[in-house]
Amino acid sequence: MGSALAEQLNGISTMSKINIKQYYSTKRKRDVVTGAAIALFGILILFQLYITIVFPLQLRHQKFLVLEMEKDEMYEQIDRIRDAIRATRGKDFAQKGEVKLVEGILDQFALHVRENGKDMNLEQVSELRNVLSRYELTVMTWKEKKTDNYHIRQDTLDTTPYARTIETSILNTH
């Protein structure tokens, strides 16, 4: 008797599921609207995945590329200034000494950058490029003026504090 009752209840519950399904579900045909809705939902999911996973990776990669481009420009700037200073000649002992002094400083910068350039951050690279721009301006002024007065200010040539700052910050990041 228990099994017959269970079969009847099972039959009723199956019947009621069919009736409920019949009344409350819709039979949707495959048409353009349904396909568009499914496609838009899929695109939305893919876009959310792109925003949460791929986009941050691209931003990080872009920052890395900006840093590498700045470093490359810094290397080119140092080489350009060094080539220009080698072509600059003074007329007397003081001018030749000043040119040699700037050439020596630029050689030290080049050596420092070649050894520690991979550890420099964007702020350090841009600060060094500003210093190099001052040197480039000085060298170009020497070439354009072609006068006997080569003397430049001492604060333009004094780079020891800056070099120490860069070395300290590089050592502190490791």
N, C-alpha and C. Protein backbone atom coordinates (compact mmCIF):
# COMPACT_ATOMS: atom_id res chain seq x y z
N MET A 1 0.81 -1.18 0.00
CA MET A 1 0.00 0.00 0.00
C MET A 1 0.85 1.25 0.00
N GLY A 2 1.93 1.19 0.70
CA GLY A 2 2.82 2.34 0.78
C GLY A 2 3.41 2.66 -0.57
N SER A 3 3.70 1.61 -1.34
CA SER A 3 4.31 1.87 -2.65
C SER A 3 3.26 2.39 -3.63
N ALA A 4 2.04 1.97 -3.53
CA ALA A 4 0.99 2.45 -4.40
C ALA A 4 0.72 3.92 -4.12
N LEU A 5 0.75 4.29 -2.86
CA LEU A 5 0.54 5.68 -2.48
C LEU A 5 1.70 6.55 -2.98
N ALA A 6 2.89 5.99 -2.89
CA ALA A 6 4.07 6.73 -3.36
C ALA A 6 3.98 6.93 -4.87
N GLU A 7 3.48 5.91 -5.59
CA GLU A 7 3.33 6.05 -7.04
C GLU A 7 2.28 7.09 -7.39
N GLN A 8 1.20 7.12 -6.64
CA GLN A 8 0.16 8.11 -6.90
C GLN A 8 0.68 9.52 -6.63
N LEU A 9 1.38 9.68 -5.52
CA LEU A 9 1.93 11.00 -5.20
C LEU A 9 2.97 11.42 -6.23
N ASN A 10 3.76 10.46 -6.65
CA ASN A 10 4.76 10.73 -7.67
C ASN A 10 4.09 11.13 -8.97
N GLY A 11 3.03 10.47 -9.33
CA GLY A 11 2.29 10.79 -10.54
C GLY A 11 1.65 12.16 -10.45
N ILE A 12 1.12 12.51 -9.26
CA ILE A 12 0.51 13.82 -9.07
C ILE A 12 1.56 14.92 -9.16
N SER A 13 2.70 14.71 -8.51
CA SER A 13 3.75 15.73 -8.53
C SER A 13 4.30 15.90 -9.95
N THR A 14 4.40 14.81 -10.69
CA THR A 14 4.86 14.92 -12.08
C THR A 14 3.83 15.66 -12.89
N MET A 15 2.57 15.37 -12.66
CA MET A 15 1.50 16.03 -13.38
C MET A 15 1.45 17.52 -13.06
N SER A 16 1.65 17.84 -11.77
CA SER A 16 1.58 19.24 -11.40
C SER A 16 2.78 20.00 -11.97
N LYS A 17 3.94 19.33 -12.05
CA LYS A 17 5.10 19.98 -12.66
C LYS A 17 4.82 20.27 -14.13
N ILE A 18 4.18 19.34 -14.80
CA ILE A 18 3.87 19.54 -16.21
C ILE A 18 2.87 20.68 -16.36
N ASN A 19 1.84 20.71 -15.49
CA ASN A 19 0.84 21.77 -15.56
C ASN A 19 1.47 23.13 -15.25
N ILE A 20 2.31 23.18 -14.23
CA ILE A 20 2.95 24.45 -13.87
C ILE A 20 3.84 24.91 -15.02
N LYS A 21 4.60 23.98 -15.57
CA LYS A 21 5.49 24.32 -16.68
C LYS A 21 4.67 24.81 -17.87
N GLN A 22 3.54 24.19 -18.09
CA GLN A 22 2.69 24.54 -19.21
C GLN A 22 2.12 25.94 -19.04
N TYR A 23 1.75 26.31 -17.85
CA TYR A 23 1.12 27.61 -17.62
C TYR A 23 2.13 28.75 -17.47
N TYR A 24 3.28 28.46 -16.87
CA TYR A 24 4.19 29.55 -16.51
C TYR A 24 5.46 29.64 -17.35
N SER A 25 5.66 28.80 -18.26
CA SER A 25 6.85 28.92 -19.10
C SER A 25 6.43 29.34 -20.50
N THR A 26 7.38 29.97 -21.18
CA THR A 26 7.08 30.40 -22.54
C THR A 26 7.89 29.56 -23.50
N LYS A 27 7.27 29.28 -24.57
CA LYS A 27 7.96 28.54 -25.62
C LYS A 27 8.49 29.58 -26.60
N ARG A 28 9.75 29.77 -26.55
CA ARG A 28 10.38 30.81 -27.34
C ARG A 28 10.97 30.18 -28.60
N LYS A 29 10.65 30.76 -29.69
CA LYS A 29 11.22 30.30 -30.94
C LYS A 29 12.59 30.97 -31.14
N ARG A 30 13.41 30.37 -31.93
CA ARG A 30 14.68 31.00 -32.26
C ARG A 30 14.41 32.04 -33.34
N ASP A 31 14.61 33.28 -32.92
CA ASP A 31 14.43 34.36 -33.87
C ASP A 31 15.55 35.39 -33.69
N VAL A 32 15.48 36.46 -34.37
CA VAL A 32 16.52 37.48 -34.37
C VAL A 32 16.66 38.13 -33.00
N VAL A 33 15.55 38.41 -32.34
CA VAL A 33 15.58 39.07 -31.04
C VAL A 33 16.28 38.18 -30.01
N THR A 34 15.95 36.91 -29.99
CA THR A 34 16.58 35.99 -29.04
C THR A 34 18.08 35.88 -29.32
N GLY A 35 18.44 35.74 -30.56
CA GLY A 35 19.86 35.66 -30.92
C GLY A 35 20.61 36.92 -30.56
N ALA A 36 19.98 38.07 -30.79
CA ALA A 36 20.63 39.34 -30.44
C ALA A 36 20.80 39.47 -28.93
N ALA A 37 19.80 39.06 -28.17
CA ALA A 37 19.89 39.13 -26.71
C ALA A 37 21.01 38.23 -26.19
N ILE A 38 21.12 37.04 -26.72
CA ILE A 38 22.18 36.12 -26.29
C ILE A 38 23.54 36.67 -26.70
N ALA A 39 23.63 37.21 -27.90
CA ALA A 39 24.89 37.78 -28.37
C ALA A 39 25.32 38.97 -27.52
N LEU A 40 24.38 39.87 -27.21
CA LEU A 40 24.69 41.02 -26.37
C LEU A 40 25.11 40.60 -24.97
N PHE A 41 24.46 39.59 -24.43
CA PHE A 41 24.84 39.08 -23.12
C PHE A 41 26.26 38.53 -23.15
N GLY A 42 26.58 37.78 -24.19
CA GLY A 42 27.94 37.23 -24.33
C GLY A 42 28.97 38.34 -24.48
N ILE A 43 28.64 39.37 -25.28
CA ILE A 43 29.55 40.50 -25.45
C ILE A 43 29.76 41.23 -24.13
N LEU A 44 28.69 41.38 -23.37
CA LEU A 44 28.78 42.04 -22.06
C LEU A 44 29.71 41.27 -21.12
N ILE A 45 29.59 39.97 -21.10
CA ILE A 45 30.45 39.14 -20.25
C ILE A 45 31.90 39.27 -20.69
N LEU A 46 32.15 39.21 -22.00
CA LEU A 46 33.52 39.34 -22.52
C LEU A 46 34.11 40.72 -22.21
N PHE A 47 33.29 41.76 -22.33
CA PHE A 47 33.75 43.11 -22.02
C PHE A 47 34.11 43.24 -20.55
N GLN A 48 33.31 42.66 -19.67
CA GLN A 48 33.62 42.70 -18.24
C GLN A 48 34.92 41.95 -17.93
N LEU A 49 35.13 40.84 -18.58
CA LEU A 49 36.39 40.11 -18.40
C LEU A 49 37.57 40.94 -18.90
N TYR A 50 37.39 41.62 -20.02
CA TYR A 50 38.45 42.47 -20.55
C TYR A 50 38.78 43.59 -19.58
N ILE A 51 37.77 44.24 -19.05
CA ILE A 51 37.97 45.36 -18.11
C ILE A 51 38.66 44.90 -16.83
N THR A 52 38.31 43.74 -16.34
CA THR A 52 38.85 43.29 -15.06
C THR A 52 40.19 42.59 -15.17
N ILE A 53 40.49 41.97 -16.31
CA ILE A 53 41.73 41.19 -16.42
C ILE A 53 42.72 41.81 -17.40
N VAL A 54 42.32 42.02 -18.62
CA VAL A 54 43.25 42.41 -19.67
C VAL A 54 43.63 43.88 -19.59
N PHE A 55 42.70 44.76 -19.33
CA PHE A 55 42.95 46.20 -19.32
C PHE A 55 44.00 46.61 -18.29
N PRO A 56 43.93 46.12 -17.03
CA PRO A 56 45.01 46.47 -16.08
C PRO A 56 46.38 45.98 -16.53
N LEU A 57 46.43 44.83 -17.16
CA LEU A 57 47.71 44.33 -17.67
C LEU A 57 48.25 45.23 -18.77
N GLN A 58 47.36 45.71 -19.63
CA GLN A 58 47.78 46.61 -20.69
C GLN A 58 48.29 47.93 -20.13
N LEU A 59 47.62 48.45 -19.10
CA LEU A 59 48.07 49.70 -18.48
C LEU A 59 49.46 49.53 -17.86
N ARG A 60 49.67 48.43 -17.17
CA ARG A 60 50.98 48.17 -16.59
C ARG A 60 52.05 48.07 -17.67
N HIS A 61 51.71 47.41 -18.75
CA HIS A 61 52.64 47.26 -19.86
C HIS A 61 52.93 48.61 -20.51
N GLN A 62 51.91 49.46 -20.62
CA GLN A 62 52.09 50.78 -21.21
C GLN A 62 53.01 51.64 -20.35
N LYS A 63 52.86 51.58 -19.02
CA LYS A 63 53.76 52.33 -18.14
C LYS A 63 55.18 51.83 -18.30
N PHE A 64 55.35 50.54 -18.45
CA PHE A 64 56.68 49.98 -18.67
C PHE A 64 57.25 50.48 -19.99
N LEU A 65 56.42 50.55 -21.03
CA LEU A 65 56.89 51.03 -22.33
C LEU A 65 57.28 52.50 -22.27
N VAL A 66 56.52 53.31 -21.53
CA VAL A 66 56.86 54.73 -21.39
C VAL A 66 58.21 54.87 -20.72
N LEU A 67 58.44 54.11 -19.67
CA LEU A 67 59.73 54.15 -18.97
C LEU A 67 60.87 53.75 -19.90
N GLU A 68 60.67 52.70 -20.67
CA GLU A 68 61.71 52.24 -21.58
C GLU A 68 61.97 53.27 -22.69
N MET A 69 60.93 53.92 -23.18
CA MET A 69 61.11 54.95 -24.20
C MET A 69 61.88 56.14 -23.63
N GLU A 70 61.54 56.54 -22.41
CA GLU A 70 62.26 57.64 -21.76
C GLU A 70 63.72 57.29 -21.56
N LYS A 71 64.00 56.06 -21.17
CA LYS A 71 65.39 55.63 -21.00
C LYS A 71 66.13 55.67 -22.33
N ASP A 72 65.49 55.19 -23.39
CA ASP A 72 66.13 55.23 -24.71
C ASP A 72 66.43 56.66 -25.14
N GLU A 73 65.48 57.55 -24.91
CA GLU A 73 65.70 58.96 -25.25
C GLU A 73 66.82 59.56 -24.41
N MET A 74 66.92 59.14 -23.15
CA MET A 74 67.99 59.61 -22.28
C MET A 74 69.35 59.16 -22.82
N TYR A 75 69.44 57.88 -23.21
CA TYR A 75 70.69 57.38 -23.78
C TYR A 75 71.08 58.14 -25.04
N GLU A 76 70.10 58.38 -25.90
CA GLU A 76 70.36 59.11 -27.13
C GLU A 76 70.78 60.55 -26.84
N GLN A 77 70.15 61.17 -25.84
CA GLN A 77 70.49 62.53 -25.47
C GLN A 77 71.93 62.61 -24.96
N ILE A 78 72.33 61.68 -24.12
CA ILE A 78 73.70 61.66 -23.62
C ILE A 78 74.68 61.51 -24.78
N ASP A 79 74.40 60.59 -25.68
CA ASP A 79 75.30 60.38 -26.82
C ASP A 79 75.35 61.62 -27.72
N ARG A 80 74.22 62.25 -27.93
CA ARG A 80 74.16 63.45 -28.77
C ARG A 80 74.98 64.59 -28.16
N ILE A 81 74.85 64.78 -26.85
CA ILE A 81 75.60 65.85 -26.18
C ILE A 81 77.09 65.54 -26.20
N ARG A 82 77.43 64.29 -25.95
CA ARG A 82 78.85 63.91 -25.95
C ARG A 82 79.47 64.11 -27.34
N ASP A 83 78.74 63.78 -28.38
CA ASP A 83 79.24 64.01 -29.74
C ASP A 83 79.42 65.50 -30.01
N ALA A 84 78.45 66.30 -29.56
CA ALA A 84 78.53 67.75 -29.77
C ALA A 84 79.70 68.35 -28.99
N ILE A 85 79.94 67.89 -27.78
CA ILE A 85 81.02 68.46 -26.97
C ILE A 85 82.38 68.05 -27.54
N ARG A 86 82.46 66.89 -28.12
CA ARG A 86 83.74 66.47 -28.73
C ARG A 86 84.08 67.33 -29.95
N ALA A 87 83.05 67.83 -30.62
CA ALA A 87 83.27 68.67 -31.78
C ALA A 87 83.54 70.13 -31.39
N THR A 88 83.36 70.47 -30.12
CA THR A 88 83.55 71.84 -29.65
C THR A 88 85.01 72.02 -29.24
N ARG A 89 85.62 73.07 -29.73
CA ARG A 89 87.01 73.37 -29.39
C ARG A 89 87.10 74.78 -28.82
N GLY A 90 87.92 74.91 -27.81
CA GLY A 90 88.16 76.23 -27.24
C GLY A 90 89.39 76.85 -27.87
N LYS A 91 89.49 78.18 -27.73
CA LYS A 91 90.62 78.87 -28.33
C LYS A 91 91.79 78.98 -27.38
N ASP A 92 91.50 79.13 -26.11
CA ASP A 92 92.60 79.26 -25.15
C ASP A 92 92.50 78.16 -24.10
N PHE A 93 93.41 78.20 -23.16
CA PHE A 93 93.52 77.16 -22.15
C PHE A 93 92.25 77.07 -21.29
N ALA A 94 91.66 78.20 -20.91
CA ALA A 94 90.46 78.22 -20.06
C ALA A 94 89.27 77.60 -20.78
N GLN A 95 89.11 77.96 -22.04
CA GLN A 95 87.99 77.40 -22.80
C GLN A 95 88.16 75.90 -23.01
N LYS A 96 89.37 75.49 -23.34
CA LYS A 96 89.63 74.06 -23.53
C LYS A 96 89.41 73.29 -22.24
N GLY A 97 89.81 73.90 -21.13
CA GLY A 97 89.59 73.26 -19.82
C GLY A 97 88.12 73.13 -19.49
N GLU A 98 87.35 74.17 -19.81
CA GLU A 98 85.91 74.12 -19.55
C GLU A 98 85.24 73.04 -20.40
N VAL A 99 85.64 72.94 -21.65
CA VAL A 99 85.09 71.92 -22.54
C VAL A 99 85.46 70.53 -22.02
N LYS A 100 86.70 70.36 -21.60
CA LYS A 100 87.14 69.07 -21.05
C LYS A 100 86.39 68.72 -19.77
N LEU A 101 86.12 69.74 -18.94
CA LEU A 101 85.37 69.51 -17.71
C LEU A 101 83.96 69.00 -18.00
N VAL A 102 83.29 69.67 -18.92
CA VAL A 102 81.93 69.23 -19.28
C VAL A 102 81.98 67.86 -19.94
N GLU A 103 82.98 67.62 -20.76
CA GLU A 103 83.12 66.31 -21.40
C GLU A 103 83.32 65.21 -20.36
N GLY A 104 84.14 65.49 -19.35
CA GLY A 104 84.36 64.52 -18.28
C GLY A 104 83.10 64.25 -17.48
N ILE A 105 82.33 65.30 -17.19
CA ILE A 105 81.08 65.12 -16.45
C ILE A 105 80.10 64.29 -17.26
N LEU A 106 80.01 64.57 -18.55
CA LEU A 106 79.09 63.80 -19.40
C LEU A 106 79.54 62.35 -19.52
N ASP A 107 80.83 62.13 -19.55
CA ASP A 107 81.33 60.75 -19.57
C ASP A 107 80.96 60.02 -18.29
N GLN A 108 81.04 60.73 -17.15
CA GLN A 108 80.63 60.13 -15.88
C GLN A 108 79.13 59.82 -15.87
N PHE A 109 78.34 60.76 -16.39
CA PHE A 109 76.90 60.51 -16.50
C PHE A 109 76.63 59.29 -17.36
N ALA A 110 77.32 59.21 -18.50
CA ALA A 110 77.11 58.08 -19.41
C ALA A 110 77.47 56.77 -18.74
N LEU A 111 78.58 56.75 -18.03
CA LEU A 111 78.99 55.54 -17.33
C LEU A 111 77.99 55.16 -16.24
N HIS A 112 77.55 56.15 -15.50
CA HIS A 112 76.58 55.91 -14.43
C HIS A 112 75.26 55.37 -15.01
N VAL A 113 74.82 55.97 -16.10
CA VAL A 113 73.54 55.56 -16.70
C VAL A 113 73.65 54.17 -17.31
N ARG A 114 74.77 53.86 -17.92
CA ARG A 114 74.94 52.53 -18.51
C ARG A 114 74.95 51.45 -17.43
N GLU A 115 75.55 51.77 -16.28
CA GLU A 115 75.62 50.78 -15.21
C GLU A 115 74.32 50.67 -14.42
N ASN A 116 73.65 51.79 -14.17
CA ASN A 116 72.49 51.80 -13.27
C ASN A 116 71.18 52.16 -13.96
N GLY A 117 71.19 52.33 -15.28
CA GLY A 117 69.98 52.76 -15.99
C GLY A 117 68.82 51.79 -15.85
N LYS A 118 69.12 50.51 -15.76
CA LYS A 118 68.04 49.51 -15.67
C LYS A 118 67.28 49.61 -14.34
N ASP A 119 67.93 50.18 -13.31
CA ASP A 119 67.30 50.29 -11.99
C ASP A 119 66.63 51.64 -11.76
N MET A 120 66.70 52.55 -12.72
CA MET A 120 66.13 53.88 -12.54
C MET A 120 64.63 53.85 -12.80
N ASN A 121 63.91 54.65 -12.02
CA ASN A 121 62.47 54.76 -12.25
C ASN A 121 62.20 55.99 -13.13
N LEU A 122 60.93 56.21 -13.46
CA LEU A 122 60.57 57.27 -14.39
C LEU A 122 60.92 58.65 -13.85
N GLU A 123 60.73 58.85 -12.56
CA GLU A 123 61.04 60.15 -11.95
C GLU A 123 62.54 60.45 -12.05
N GLN A 124 63.37 59.46 -11.78
CA GLN A 124 64.81 59.65 -11.86
C GLN A 124 65.26 59.91 -13.29
N VAL A 125 64.66 59.20 -14.22
CA VAL A 125 65.02 59.39 -15.63
C VAL A 125 64.65 60.79 -16.08
N SER A 126 63.46 61.27 -15.72
CA SER A 126 63.05 62.61 -16.16
C SER A 126 63.90 63.68 -15.48
N GLU A 127 64.29 63.48 -14.23
CA GLU A 127 65.15 64.45 -13.56
C GLU A 127 66.52 64.50 -14.23
N LEU A 128 67.07 63.36 -14.55
CA LEU A 128 68.36 63.32 -15.24
C LEU A 128 68.26 63.93 -16.63
N ARG A 129 67.17 63.72 -17.29
CA ARG A 129 66.98 64.33 -18.62
C ARG A 129 66.92 65.84 -18.53
N ASN A 130 66.35 66.37 -17.43
CA ASN A 130 66.34 67.82 -17.24
C ASN A 130 67.75 68.36 -17.07
N VAL A 131 68.56 67.66 -16.29
CA VAL A 131 69.96 68.06 -16.10
C VAL A 131 70.70 67.99 -17.44
N LEU A 132 70.48 66.93 -18.17
CA LEU A 132 71.14 66.78 -19.47
C LEU A 132 70.68 67.86 -20.45
N SER A 133 69.44 68.28 -20.35
CA SER A 133 68.94 69.35 -21.23
C SER A 133 69.69 70.65 -20.96
N ARG A 134 70.00 70.91 -19.69
CA ARG A 134 70.79 72.11 -19.38
C ARG A 134 72.18 72.03 -20.01
N TYR A 135 72.79 70.84 -19.93
CA TYR A 135 74.10 70.66 -20.56
C TYR A 135 74.00 70.83 -22.07
N GLU A 136 72.95 70.26 -22.64
CA GLU A 136 72.78 70.36 -24.09
C GLU A 136 72.61 71.82 -24.51
N LEU A 137 71.85 72.57 -23.75
CA LEU A 137 71.66 73.99 -24.04
C LEU A 137 72.99 74.73 -23.95
N THR A 138 73.79 74.42 -22.94
CA THR A 138 75.10 75.06 -22.79
C THR A 138 76.01 74.75 -23.97
N VAL A 139 76.07 73.48 -24.36
CA VAL A 139 76.94 73.08 -25.47
C VAL A 139 76.47 73.72 -26.78
N MET A 140 75.15 73.74 -27.00
CA MET A 140 74.63 74.35 -28.22
C MET A 140 74.90 75.86 -28.23
N THR A 141 74.84 76.49 -27.06
CA THR A 141 75.14 77.91 -26.97
C THR A 141 76.60 78.16 -27.34
N TRP A 142 77.49 77.29 -26.89
CA TRP A 142 78.90 77.41 -27.25
C TRP A 142 79.07 77.31 -28.76
N LYS A 143 78.38 76.37 -29.36
CA LYS A 143 78.54 76.16 -30.81
C LYS A 143 77.96 77.32 -31.61
N GLU A 144 76.83 77.87 -31.16
CA GLU A 144 76.18 78.93 -31.91
C GLU A 144 76.88 80.27 -31.74
N LYS A 145 77.33 80.56 -30.52
CA LYS A 145 77.95 81.86 -30.26
C LYS A 145 79.28 82.02 -30.98
N LYS A 146 80.09 81.02 -30.84
CA LYS A 146 81.44 81.06 -31.40
C LYS A 146 82.17 82.31 -30.89
N THR A 147 81.98 82.58 -29.61
CA THR A 147 82.67 83.72 -29.00
C THR A 147 83.78 83.21 -28.12
N ASP A 148 84.54 84.14 -27.60
CA ASP A 148 85.65 83.78 -26.72
C ASP A 148 85.18 83.49 -25.30
N ASN A 149 83.95 83.81 -24.98
CA ASN A 149 83.47 83.64 -23.61
C ASN A 149 82.71 82.33 -23.48
N TYR A 150 83.35 81.33 -22.94
CA TYR A 150 82.73 80.02 -22.75
C TYR A 150 82.26 79.81 -21.32
N HIS A 151 82.59 80.69 -20.44
CA HIS A 151 82.39 80.45 -19.01
C HIS A 151 80.91 80.26 -18.69
N ILE A 152 80.65 79.20 -17.92
CA ILE A 152 79.29 78.91 -17.49
C ILE A 152 79.26 78.90 -15.97
N ARG A 153 78.09 78.95 -15.41
CA ARG A 153 77.94 79.01 -13.95
C ARG A 153 78.37 77.71 -13.32
N GLN A 154 78.88 77.78 -12.12
CA GLN A 154 79.35 76.60 -11.41
C GLN A 154 78.18 75.67 -11.05
N ASP A 155 77.01 76.22 -10.72
CA ASP A 155 75.89 75.36 -10.32
C ASP A 155 75.41 74.51 -11.49
N THR A 156 75.66 74.93 -12.71
CA THR A 156 75.30 74.12 -13.87
C THR A 156 76.20 72.90 -13.96
N LEU A 157 77.46 73.07 -13.58
CA LEU A 157 78.42 71.97 -13.70
C LEU A 157 78.44 71.06 -12.48
N ASP A 158 78.00 71.53 -11.34
CA ASP A 158 78.09 70.75 -10.12
C ASP A 158 76.99 69.70 -10.09
N THR A 159 77.35 68.47 -10.36
CA THR A 159 76.35 67.39 -10.42
C THR A 159 76.56 66.36 -9.33
N THR A 160 77.53 66.57 -8.46
CA THR A 160 77.82 65.59 -7.42
C THR A 160 76.61 65.32 -6.52
N PRO A 161 75.89 66.36 -6.03
CA PRO A 161 74.72 66.06 -5.19
C PRO A 161 73.65 65.27 -5.93
N TYR A 162 73.47 65.58 -7.20
CA TYR A 162 72.45 64.87 -7.98
C TYR A 162 72.84 63.41 -8.15
N ALA A 163 74.11 63.16 -8.49
CA ALA A 163 74.56 61.78 -8.67
C ALA A 163 74.43 61.00 -7.37
N ARG A 164 74.74 61.62 -6.25
CA ARG A 164 74.59 60.94 -4.96
C ARG A 164 73.12 60.64 -4.67
N THR A 165 72.24 61.56 -5.01
CA THR A 165 70.81 61.35 -4.80
C THR A 165 70.32 60.15 -5.60
N ILE A 166 70.73 60.07 -6.85
CA ILE A 166 70.32 58.95 -7.71
C ILE A 166 70.85 57.63 -7.14
N GLU A 167 72.14 57.61 -6.78
CA GLU A 167 72.72 56.38 -6.24
C GLU A 167 72.03 55.96 -4.97
N THR A 168 71.72 56.91 -4.08
CA THR A 168 71.05 56.59 -2.82
C THR A 168 69.66 56.03 -3.08
N SER A 169 68.92 56.66 -3.97
CA SER A 169 67.56 56.18 -4.23
C SER A 169 67.58 54.82 -4.91
N ILE A 170 68.57 54.54 -5.75
CA ILE A 170 68.66 53.22 -6.39
C ILE A 170 69.00 52.18 -5.35
N LEU A 171 69.93 52.48 -4.46
CA LEU A 171 70.30 51.53 -3.42
C LEU A 171 69.14 51.27 -2.46
N ASN A 172 68.32 52.29 -2.19
CA ASN A 172 67.19 52.13 -1.27
C ASN A 172 66.06 51.31 -1.87
N THR A 173 65.97 51.26 -3.18
CA THR A 173 64.89 50.48 -3.80
C THR A 173 65.18 49.00 -3.81
N HIS A 174 66.42 48.60 -3.60
CA HIS A 174 66.77 47.17 -3.61
C HIS A 174 66.69 46.58 -2.25
